[in-house]
Amino acid sequence: MTFEKRKEDLIEKAKAEAFRLDLAKDTTSVRHVAYSISTIPSDHSGEIDSIYVDEEYRN
């Protein structure tokens, strides 16, 4: 799936469901190093739609 298609899908989900974007910032370098995008549909079964952690911060 292309990034553009994933982006379209997330935008559509955000219109109908609770949508959350979390960012993690390295306070030393003051840059964002990770994110997660999640949605919660009406049945309250949360789903992580996208997650990323900069390679430098993975263990």
C-alpha atoms as a PDB file:
ATOM      1  CA  MET A   1       0.000   0.000   0.000  1.00  0.00           C
ATOM      2  CA  THR A   2       1.356   3.434  -0.876  1.00  0.00           C
ATOM      3  CA  PHE A   3       1.704   6.235   1.637  1.00  0.00           C
ATOM      4  CA  GLU A   4      -0.962   8.243  -0.206  1.00  0.00           C
ATOM      5  CA  LYS A   5      -3.462   5.370   0.072  1.00  0.00           C
ATOM      6  CA  ARG A   6      -2.706   4.869   3.768  1.00  0.00           C
ATOM      7  CA  LYS A   7      -3.123   8.598   4.314  1.00  0.00           C
ATOM      8  CA  GLU A   8      -6.516   8.584   2.560  1.00  0.00           C
ATOM      9  CA  ASP A   9      -7.653   5.599   4.633  1.00  0.00           C
ATOM     10  CA  LEU A  10      -6.609   7.288   7.903  1.00  0.00           C
ATOM     11  CA  ILE A  11      -8.397  10.513   6.958  1.00  0.00           C
ATOM     12  CA  GLU A  12     -11.594   8.564   6.280  1.00  0.00           C
ATOM     13  CA  LYS A  13     -11.288   6.646   9.559  1.00  0.00           C
ATOM     14  CA  ALA A  14     -10.740   9.905  11.454  1.00  0.00           C
ATOM     15  CA  LYS A  15     -14.059  11.238  10.143  1.00  0.00           C
ATOM     16  CA  ALA A  16     -16.009   8.305  11.582  1.00  0.00           C
ATOM     17  CA  GLU A  17     -14.001   7.191  14.620  1.00  0.00           C
ATOM     18  CA  ALA A  18     -12.046   8.587  17.538  1.00  0.00           C
ATOM     19  CA  PHE A  19      -8.559   9.348  16.260  1.00  0.00           C
ATOM     20  CA  ARG A  20      -5.377   9.818  18.262  1.00  0.00           C
ATOM     21  CA  LEU A  21      -1.877  10.882  17.271  1.00  0.00           C
ATOM     22  CA  ASP A  22       0.904  10.513  19.846  1.00  0.00           C
ATOM     23  CA  LEU A  23       4.379  11.947  19.336  1.00  0.00           C
ATOM     24  CA  ALA A  24       7.546  11.156  21.279  1.00  0.00           C
ATOM     25  CA  LYS A  25      10.210  13.827  21.524  1.00  0.00           C
ATOM     26  CA  ASP A  26      13.827  13.507  22.561  1.00  0.00           C
ATOM     27  CA  THR A  27      14.172  16.389  24.994  1.00  0.00           C
ATOM     28  CA  THR A  28      17.934  16.563  24.471  1.00  0.00           C
ATOM     29  CA  SER A  29      17.870  16.984  20.693  1.00  0.00           C
ATOM     30  CA  VAL A  30      14.363  18.532  20.749  1.00  0.00           C
ATOM     31  CA  ARG A  31      13.201  16.445  17.811  1.00  0.00           C
ATOM     32  CA  HIS A  32      10.355  14.020  17.349  1.00  0.00           C
ATOM     33  CA  VAL A  33      11.653  10.469  17.289  1.00  0.00           C
ATOM     34  CA  ALA A  34       8.477   8.363  17.244  1.00  0.00           C
ATOM     35  CA  TYR A  35       4.746   8.466  16.583  1.00  0.00           C
ATOM     36  CA  SER A  36       1.680   6.275  16.768  1.00  0.00           C
ATOM     37  CA  ILE A  37      -1.707   6.745  15.155  1.00  0.00           C
ATOM     38  CA  SER A  38      -4.637   4.874  16.626  1.00  0.00           C
ATOM     39  CA  THR A  39      -8.394   4.785  16.175  1.00  0.00           C
ATOM     40  CA  ILE A  40     -11.258   3.631  18.373  1.00  0.00           C
ATOM     41  CA  PRO A  41     -14.382   2.548  16.495  1.00  0.00           C
ATOM     42  CA  SER A  42     -17.864   2.547  18.007  1.00  0.00           C
ATOM     43  CA  ASP A  43     -17.394  -0.989  19.403  1.00  0.00           C
ATOM     44  CA  HIS A  44     -14.463   0.372  21.500  1.00  0.00           C
ATOM     45  CA  SER A  45     -11.951  -2.097  20.086  1.00  0.00           C
ATOM     46  CA  GLY A  46      -8.879   0.129  19.771  1.00  0.00           C
ATOM     47  CA  GLU A  47      -6.534  -0.337  16.854  1.00  0.00           C
ATOM     48  CA  ILE A  48      -3.003   0.887  16.194  1.00  0.00           C
ATOM     49  CA  ASP A  49      -3.067   2.045  12.594  1.00  0.00           C
ATOM     50  CA  SER A  50       0.517   3.198  12.252  1.00  0.00           C
ATOM     51  CA  ILE A  51       3.574   3.267  14.477  1.00  0.00           C
ATOM     52  CA  TYR A  52       7.111   4.472  13.857  1.00  0.00           C
ATOM     53  CA  VAL A  53      10.251   4.743  15.990  1.00  0.00           C
ATOM     54  CA  ASP A  54      13.406   6.306  14.565  1.00  0.00           C
ATOM     55  CA  GLU A  55      15.990   3.579  14.051  1.00  0.00           C
ATOM     56  CA  GLU A  56      18.433   5.339  16.379  1.00  0.00           C
ATOM     57  CA  TYR A  57      15.946   4.920  19.284  1.00  0.00           C
ATOM     58  CA  ARG A  58      15.048   1.256  18.793  1.00  0.00           C
ATOM     59  CA  ASN A  59      16.450  -1.321  21.208  1.00  0.00           C
END
